[in-house]
Amino acid sequence: MTTAIDKIAWISMNQGQLLCARSQGKDTYYLPGGKREPGESDTDTLLREIEEELSVRIKPETVIYFGTFKAEAHAKTGGIQVKMTCYTAEFEGVLSPASEIEELAWLTYNDRDRVSAVTQIIFDELHEMGRLA
């Protein structure tokens, strides 16, 4: 049986670059977001996680489903998969790393090897759409 980690993630683009985050002590970047708490909707999870990790407020009325992507979970063994459901949305505030986040970076397709496997799939999709430089 394959175990899946269910994550909600935010796709934030700026001039052909994608916002990614790196946790303290890690060398791999991923899309900001996280796991839902019991009873939370996707939007609830997105709003909570982004505020906790990036110190900004997602505007709930702007949340738009982008896609769901699956790949082997980064740094996990035993065939554990991650299922990442992604949304775009506008935000208010100034992006600033918080909680376990050490660094935020605006990455391009040339940085594909610096991100997790599931994020690489999303990079490919955005690049094919002409949205990721």
Protein backbone atom coordinates (compact mmCIF):
# COMPACT_ATOMS: atom_id res chain seq x y z
CA MET A 1 0.00 0.00 0.00
CA THR A 2 1.30 3.44 -0.94
CA THR A 3 1.05 6.14 1.67
CA ALA A 4 0.28 9.65 0.42
CA ILE A 5 1.01 12.94 2.13
CA ASP A 6 -1.83 15.35 1.34
CA LYS A 7 -0.55 18.92 0.96
CA ILE A 8 -2.05 22.22 -0.14
CA ALA A 9 0.30 24.63 -1.92
CA TRP A 10 0.35 28.19 -3.20
CA ILE A 11 1.53 29.14 -6.67
CA SER A 12 2.67 32.75 -6.63
CA MET A 13 4.26 34.05 -9.84
CA ASN A 14 6.11 37.32 -10.42
CA GLN A 15 7.66 38.24 -13.78
CA GLY A 16 8.17 34.61 -14.82
CA GLN A 17 9.48 33.52 -11.43
CA LEU A 18 7.83 31.18 -8.92
CA LEU A 19 7.91 31.82 -5.17
CA CYS A 20 9.48 28.90 -3.32
CA ALA A 21 10.43 28.32 0.31
CA ARG A 22 13.23 26.47 2.05
CA SER A 23 12.87 25.11 5.58
CA GLN A 24 15.53 25.57 8.24
CA GLY A 25 18.38 23.10 7.82
CA LYS A 26 17.21 21.88 4.40
CA ASP A 27 18.72 22.44 0.97
CA THR A 28 15.63 21.75 -1.16
CA TYR A 29 12.95 24.30 -2.04
CA TYR A 30 9.22 23.60 -2.24
CA LEU A 31 6.02 25.50 -2.83
CA PRO A 32 4.72 27.28 0.27
CA GLY A 33 1.84 25.52 1.98
CA GLY A 34 1.32 22.47 4.12
CA LYS A 35 -0.90 19.76 5.50
CA ARG A 36 -4.51 20.32 6.43
CA GLU A 37 -5.75 20.10 9.98
CA PRO A 38 -8.87 18.03 10.74
CA GLY A 39 -12.01 19.65 9.33
CA GLU A 40 -10.16 22.21 7.21
CA SER A 41 -11.06 22.87 3.59
CA ASP A 42 -8.35 23.39 0.99
CA THR A 43 -8.87 27.17 1.21
CA ASP A 44 -8.75 27.14 5.03
CA THR A 45 -5.46 25.22 4.90
CA LEU A 46 -3.99 27.54 2.28
CA LEU A 47 -4.86 30.69 4.25
CA ARG A 48 -3.54 29.32 7.54
CA GLU A 49 -0.33 27.83 6.17
CA ILE A 50 0.65 30.87 4.09
CA GLU A 51 0.06 33.24 6.99
CA GLU A 52 2.08 30.97 9.32
CA GLU A 53 4.98 30.47 6.88
CA LEU A 54 5.15 33.74 4.93
CA SER A 55 3.53 36.37 7.19
CA VAL A 56 1.02 37.48 4.52
CA ARG A 57 -2.75 37.12 4.18
CA ILE A 58 -4.20 35.33 1.17
CA LYS A 59 -7.31 37.08 -0.19
CA PRO A 60 -9.87 34.24 -0.01
CA GLU A 61 -11.98 35.62 -2.85
CA THR A 62 -9.01 35.30 -5.25
CA VAL A 63 -8.19 31.61 -4.60
CA ILE A 64 -8.27 29.62 -7.87
CA TYR A 65 -7.56 25.90 -8.26
CA PHE A 66 -4.50 25.27 -10.45
CA GLY A 67 -4.05 21.49 -10.34
CA THR A 68 -3.18 18.41 -8.31
CA PHE A 69 0.22 16.76 -8.73
CA LYS A 70 1.74 13.55 -7.32
CA ALA A 71 5.33 12.36 -6.95
CA GLU A 72 7.60 10.52 -4.56
CA ALA A 73 7.91 12.50 -1.33
CA HIS A 74 11.25 14.25 -0.89
CA ALA A 75 13.61 12.58 1.64
CA LYS A 76 11.09 9.82 2.45
CA THR A 77 11.53 6.09 1.97
CA GLY A 78 9.16 3.19 1.36
CA GLY A 79 7.32 4.59 -1.65
CA ILE A 80 5.67 7.45 0.21
CA GLN A 81 4.01 9.81 -2.25
CA VAL A 82 3.03 13.44 -1.89
CA LYS A 83 -0.20 14.70 -3.41
CA MET A 84 0.02 18.46 -3.80
CA THR A 85 -3.16 20.39 -4.57
CA CYS A 86 -2.15 23.81 -5.85
CA TYR A 87 -3.95 27.14 -5.90
CA THR A 88 -3.14 30.61 -7.15
CA ALA A 89 -4.25 33.62 -5.11
CA GLU A 90 -3.51 37.27 -4.44
CA PHE A 91 -2.15 38.34 -1.08
CA GLU A 92 -1.83 41.32 1.25
CA GLY A 93 1.27 42.16 3.24
CA VAL A 94 5.02 41.81 2.89
CA LEU A 95 6.47 38.35 2.26
CA SER A 96 8.71 37.36 5.14
CA PRO A 97 9.84 33.87 6.21
CA ALA A 98 8.32 32.70 9.48
CA SER A 99 7.79 29.50 11.47
CA GLU A 100 10.10 26.78 10.06
CA ILE A 101 10.85 28.72 6.86
CA GLU A 102 14.44 29.96 6.61
CA GLU A 103 14.40 31.46 3.12
CA LEU A 104 12.08 32.57 0.36
CA ALA A 105 13.31 32.66 -3.24
CA TRP A 106 11.88 33.58 -6.64
CA LEU A 107 13.00 30.71 -8.87
CA THR A 108 13.02 30.15 -12.64
CA TYR A 109 13.03 26.96 -14.68
CA ASN A 110 16.84 26.99 -14.48
CA ASP A 111 16.44 26.28 -10.74
CA ARG A 112 14.40 23.09 -11.36
CA ASP A 113 17.09 20.86 -9.81
CA ARG A 114 16.84 22.81 -6.52
CA VAL A 115 13.20 21.82 -5.82
CA SER A 116 11.40 18.66 -4.68
CA ALA A 117 10.19 16.04 -7.18
CA VAL A 118 6.55 17.14 -7.07
CA THR A 119 7.59 20.77 -7.45
CA GLN A 120 9.66 19.78 -10.50
CA ILE A 121 6.45 18.50 -12.13
CA ILE A 122 4.79 21.85 -11.40
CA PHE A 123 7.84 23.69 -12.80
CA ASP A 124 7.47 21.63 -16.00
CA GLU A 125 3.76 22.47 -16.26
CA LEU A 126 4.31 26.20 -15.71
CA HIS A 127 7.22 26.24 -18.16
CA GLU A 128 5.15 24.48 -20.85
CA MET A 129 2.40 27.08 -20.30
CA GLY A 130 4.97 29.85 -20.87
CA ARG A 131 4.50 31.19 -17.35
CA LEU A 132 7.86 30.16 -15.82
CA ALA A 133 10.96 31.74 -17.33
